[in-house]
Structure formats: C-alpha cells, structure tokens
Amino acid sequence: MKEGLCWSRACGDDDVGLGGGAPLGTTPGWISRCFKRLRVHGLIKRVGKTYKYYLSDLGRRVVLTSLKLREMVIIPTLATA
C-alpha cells in the first residue's frame, strides 16, 4: 500500500488506522481528543445525542479564513521561494 491515506474500505490492507478511513497512525483516543478540542474552542457542535457533528458559525468562519489565507498568502509565497 502507498504511504498516506486509504479512504476506501476496498483497499483491503489491515495496517490502516481505523478501518480504512483514517490516516495511518491514528487511534480512536487521538480522534476523540481532537473532537474535544474543537468542541471546547466552539468550532464544532454535536447533533443531539448522536455521534454526528457540524461546524458552528465560528468554525465556518475559521475554515473560510484559513482557506483564503492559504490561497492568497501561503501558496503565492511558496511559489516565489
């Protein structure tokens, strides 16, 4: 298997993180801590008593700002370097 990600359950490799959907080396505990940090900072919210999450208004603004920053500053800077 190539290094990196395997997003399909059809890849058939057992050395992938969480059943073929997570980056290599991730554990359920690590993912839980990431969700907890995002929740504490108000970037995501939980849907009722389910395992589903959605972006809060603040989270949506942070994602859009970071994408714009990458597009307008980081990529052009790397291209000229």
N, C-alpha and C. Protein backbone atom coordinates (compact mmCIF):
# COMPACT_ATOMS: atom_id res chain seq x y z
N MET A 1 0.84 -1.19 0.00
CA MET A 1 0.00 0.00 0.00
C MET A 1 0.88 1.24 0.00
N LYS A 2 0.43 2.28 -0.69
CA LYS A 2 1.16 3.54 -0.72
C LYS A 2 1.10 4.20 0.65
N GLU A 3 2.11 5.02 0.92
CA GLU A 3 2.08 5.75 2.18
C GLU A 3 1.00 6.81 2.13
N GLY A 4 0.44 7.14 3.29
CA GLY A 4 -0.56 8.20 3.35
C GLY A 4 -1.90 7.69 3.77
N LEU A 5 -2.89 7.89 2.93
CA LEU A 5 -4.26 7.62 3.30
C LEU A 5 -4.88 6.51 2.47
N CYS A 6 -5.80 5.82 3.05
CA CYS A 6 -6.59 4.83 2.33
C CYS A 6 -8.05 5.13 2.68
N TRP A 7 -8.76 5.77 1.79
CA TRP A 7 -10.12 6.21 2.10
C TRP A 7 -11.16 5.19 1.71
N SER A 8 -10.78 4.12 1.08
CA SER A 8 -11.74 3.12 0.64
C SER A 8 -11.59 1.85 1.46
N ARG A 9 -12.69 1.29 1.89
CA ARG A 9 -12.63 0.03 2.61
C ARG A 9 -12.22 -1.10 1.68
N ALA A 10 -12.27 -0.85 0.39
CA ALA A 10 -11.93 -1.88 -0.59
C ALA A 10 -10.43 -2.08 -0.75
N CYS A 11 -9.62 -1.24 -0.11
CA CYS A 11 -8.17 -1.38 -0.29
C CYS A 11 -7.66 -2.67 0.32
N GLY A 12 -8.33 -3.19 1.34
CA GLY A 12 -8.00 -4.50 1.88
C GLY A 12 -6.78 -4.57 2.76
N ASP A 13 -6.12 -3.49 3.06
CA ASP A 13 -4.95 -3.53 3.93
C ASP A 13 -5.36 -3.38 5.37
N ASP A 14 -4.79 -4.22 6.24
CA ASP A 14 -5.13 -4.18 7.65
C ASP A 14 -4.29 -3.19 8.44
N ASP A 15 -3.23 -2.64 7.84
CA ASP A 15 -2.35 -1.74 8.57
C ASP A 15 -2.83 -0.30 8.55
N VAL A 16 -4.06 -0.06 8.12
CA VAL A 16 -4.63 1.28 8.07
C VAL A 16 -5.25 1.58 9.42
N GLY A 17 -5.24 2.87 9.82
CA GLY A 17 -5.71 3.31 11.12
C GLY A 17 -7.05 2.76 11.58
N LEU A 18 -8.15 3.34 11.17
CA LEU A 18 -9.47 2.96 11.67
C LEU A 18 -10.32 2.37 10.57
N GLY A 19 -10.06 1.18 10.15
CA GLY A 19 -10.90 0.51 9.18
C GLY A 19 -10.86 1.11 7.79
N GLY A 20 -9.78 1.72 7.41
CA GLY A 20 -9.65 2.21 6.05
C GLY A 20 -10.09 3.64 5.84
N GLY A 21 -10.49 4.37 6.87
CA GLY A 21 -10.95 5.72 6.65
C GLY A 21 -10.11 6.79 7.30
N ALA A 22 -9.17 6.42 8.13
CA ALA A 22 -8.39 7.40 8.87
C ALA A 22 -6.93 7.36 8.42
N PRO A 23 -6.22 8.48 8.60
CA PRO A 23 -4.80 8.49 8.27
C PRO A 23 -4.04 7.44 9.07
N LEU A 24 -2.95 6.97 8.54
CA LEU A 24 -2.14 5.97 9.23
C LEU A 24 -1.65 6.51 10.57
N GLY A 25 -1.67 5.67 11.58
CA GLY A 25 -1.16 6.05 12.88
C GLY A 25 -2.18 6.69 13.80
N THR A 26 -3.41 6.88 13.37
CA THR A 26 -4.41 7.48 14.24
C THR A 26 -5.05 6.41 15.11
N THR A 27 -5.48 6.83 16.28
CA THR A 27 -6.16 5.92 17.20
C THR A 27 -7.50 6.55 17.57
N PRO A 28 -8.43 5.76 18.06
CA PRO A 28 -9.71 6.34 18.49
C PRO A 28 -9.54 7.41 19.57
N GLY A 29 -8.58 7.21 20.48
CA GLY A 29 -8.35 8.20 21.53
C GLY A 29 -7.86 9.52 20.98
N TRP A 30 -6.98 9.46 19.97
CA TRP A 30 -6.46 10.67 19.35
C TRP A 30 -7.59 11.45 18.67
N ILE A 31 -8.45 10.73 17.97
CA ILE A 31 -9.57 11.38 17.28
C ILE A 31 -10.53 11.99 18.29
N SER A 32 -10.80 11.28 19.40
CA SER A 32 -11.67 11.82 20.44
C SER A 32 -11.12 13.10 21.03
N ARG A 33 -9.81 13.13 21.26
CA ARG A 33 -9.20 14.36 21.80
C ARG A 33 -9.30 15.51 20.82
N CYS A 34 -9.15 15.22 19.52
CA CYS A 34 -9.30 16.27 18.51
C CYS A 34 -10.72 16.84 18.51
N PHE A 35 -11.72 15.96 18.55
CA PHE A 35 -13.10 16.42 18.61
C PHE A 35 -13.34 17.24 19.88
N LYS A 36 -12.79 16.80 21.00
CA LYS A 36 -12.96 17.51 22.26
C LYS A 36 -12.37 18.92 22.16
N ARG A 37 -11.15 19.04 21.58
CA ARG A 37 -10.54 20.36 21.43
C ARG A 37 -11.38 21.27 20.54
N LEU A 38 -11.88 20.72 19.44
CA LEU A 38 -12.71 21.52 18.54
C LEU A 38 -14.00 21.96 19.24
N ARG A 39 -14.59 21.06 20.04
CA ARG A 39 -15.81 21.41 20.78
C ARG A 39 -15.54 22.48 21.83
N VAL A 40 -14.46 22.33 22.58
CA VAL A 40 -14.12 23.28 23.64
C VAL A 40 -13.89 24.67 23.06
N HIS A 41 -13.25 24.74 21.90
CA HIS A 41 -12.99 26.03 21.26
C HIS A 41 -14.21 26.57 20.51
N GLY A 42 -15.29 25.81 20.47
CA GLY A 42 -16.52 26.29 19.85
C GLY A 42 -16.53 26.20 18.34
N LEU A 43 -15.67 25.36 17.76
CA LEU A 43 -15.62 25.26 16.30
C LEU A 43 -16.61 24.23 15.75
N ILE A 44 -16.96 23.23 16.55
CA ILE A 44 -17.96 22.25 16.12
C ILE A 44 -19.00 22.09 17.23
N LYS A 45 -20.16 21.60 16.85
CA LYS A 45 -21.23 21.32 17.80
C LYS A 45 -21.75 19.92 17.53
N ARG A 46 -22.22 19.29 18.58
CA ARG A 46 -22.74 17.93 18.47
C ARG A 46 -24.23 17.97 18.14
N VAL A 47 -24.68 17.03 17.32
CA VAL A 47 -26.09 16.93 16.96
C VAL A 47 -26.77 16.05 17.99
N GLY A 48 -27.53 16.68 18.88
CA GLY A 48 -28.30 15.95 19.88
C GLY A 48 -27.47 14.93 20.63
N LYS A 49 -27.99 13.73 20.76
CA LYS A 49 -27.28 12.65 21.45
C LYS A 49 -26.79 11.63 20.45
N THR A 50 -26.22 12.13 19.35
CA THR A 50 -25.69 11.26 18.31
C THR A 50 -24.17 11.40 18.25
N TYR A 51 -23.56 10.70 17.33
CA TYR A 51 -22.12 10.82 17.11
C TYR A 51 -21.81 11.75 15.94
N LYS A 52 -22.76 12.59 15.58
CA LYS A 52 -22.58 13.49 14.44
C LYS A 52 -22.24 14.90 14.94
N TYR A 53 -21.42 15.59 14.16
CA TYR A 53 -21.01 16.95 14.49
C TYR A 53 -21.22 17.84 13.28
N TYR A 54 -21.34 19.14 13.52
CA TYR A 54 -21.41 20.10 12.43
C TYR A 54 -20.61 21.34 12.83
N LEU A 55 -20.20 22.10 11.81
CA LEU A 55 -19.44 23.33 12.07
C LEU A 55 -20.35 24.39 12.66
N SER A 56 -19.88 25.05 13.70
CA SER A 56 -20.60 26.20 14.23
C SER A 56 -20.33 27.39 13.32
N ASP A 57 -21.00 28.50 13.59
CA ASP A 57 -20.75 29.71 12.79
C ASP A 57 -19.29 30.14 12.91
N LEU A 58 -18.76 30.09 14.12
CA LEU A 58 -17.36 30.43 14.32
C LEU A 58 -16.46 29.46 13.56
N GLY A 59 -16.76 28.18 13.61
CA GLY A 59 -15.97 27.18 12.90
C GLY A 59 -15.98 27.41 11.40
N ARG A 60 -17.14 27.76 10.89
CA ARG A 60 -17.26 28.03 9.45
C ARG A 60 -16.40 29.24 9.06
N ARG A 61 -16.43 30.29 9.89
CA ARG A 61 -15.62 31.47 9.60
C ARG A 61 -14.13 31.17 9.68
N VAL A 62 -13.74 30.35 10.66
CA VAL A 62 -12.32 29.98 10.79
C VAL A 62 -11.85 29.19 9.58
N VAL A 63 -12.66 28.24 9.13
CA VAL A 63 -12.28 27.43 7.96
C VAL A 63 -12.18 28.31 6.72
N LEU A 64 -13.16 29.18 6.51
CA LEU A 64 -13.12 30.05 5.33
C LEU A 64 -11.92 31.00 5.37
N THR A 65 -11.63 31.54 6.54
CA THR A 65 -10.49 32.44 6.67
C THR A 65 -9.17 31.70 6.41
N SER A 66 -9.05 30.49 6.94
CA SER A 66 -7.81 29.75 6.73
C SER A 66 -7.64 29.35 5.27
N LEU A 67 -8.72 29.01 4.59
CA LEU A 67 -8.63 28.68 3.16
C LEU A 67 -8.23 29.91 2.34
N LYS A 68 -8.80 31.06 2.67
CA LYS A 68 -8.43 32.30 1.97
C LYS A 68 -6.98 32.66 2.23
N LEU A 69 -6.54 32.50 3.48
CA LEU A 69 -5.16 32.79 3.84
C LEU A 69 -4.21 31.89 3.06
N ARG A 70 -4.55 30.62 2.96
CA ARG A 70 -3.71 29.70 2.19
C ARG A 70 -3.66 30.09 0.72
N GLU A 71 -4.82 30.44 0.18
CA GLU A 71 -4.91 30.78 -1.24
C GLU A 71 -4.21 32.09 -1.57
N MET A 72 -4.36 33.10 -0.71
CA MET A 72 -3.88 34.44 -1.05
C MET A 72 -2.47 34.73 -0.52
N VAL A 73 -1.99 34.01 0.50
CA VAL A 73 -0.70 34.34 1.09
C VAL A 73 0.29 33.17 1.01
N ILE A 74 -0.11 32.03 1.53
CA ILE A 74 0.84 30.93 1.68
C ILE A 74 1.28 30.36 0.33
N ILE A 75 0.32 30.03 -0.53
CA ILE A 75 0.67 29.43 -1.83
C ILE A 75 1.50 30.39 -2.69
N PRO A 76 1.12 31.68 -2.81
CA PRO A 76 1.98 32.59 -3.59
C PRO A 76 3.38 32.75 -3.00
N THR A 77 3.49 32.75 -1.68
CA THR A 77 4.80 32.88 -1.05
C THR A 77 5.67 31.67 -1.37
N LEU A 78 5.10 30.49 -1.29
CA LEU A 78 5.85 29.27 -1.62
C LEU A 78 6.21 29.20 -3.09
N ALA A 79 5.36 29.73 -3.94
CA ALA A 79 5.62 29.70 -5.37
C ALA A 79 6.80 30.58 -5.77
N THR A 80 6.99 31.68 -5.03
CA THR A 80 8.10 32.59 -5.35
C THR A 80 9.40 32.17 -4.68
N ALA A 81 9.32 31.30 -3.69
CA ALA A 81 10.53 30.89 -2.96
C ALA A 81 11.37 29.89 -3.70
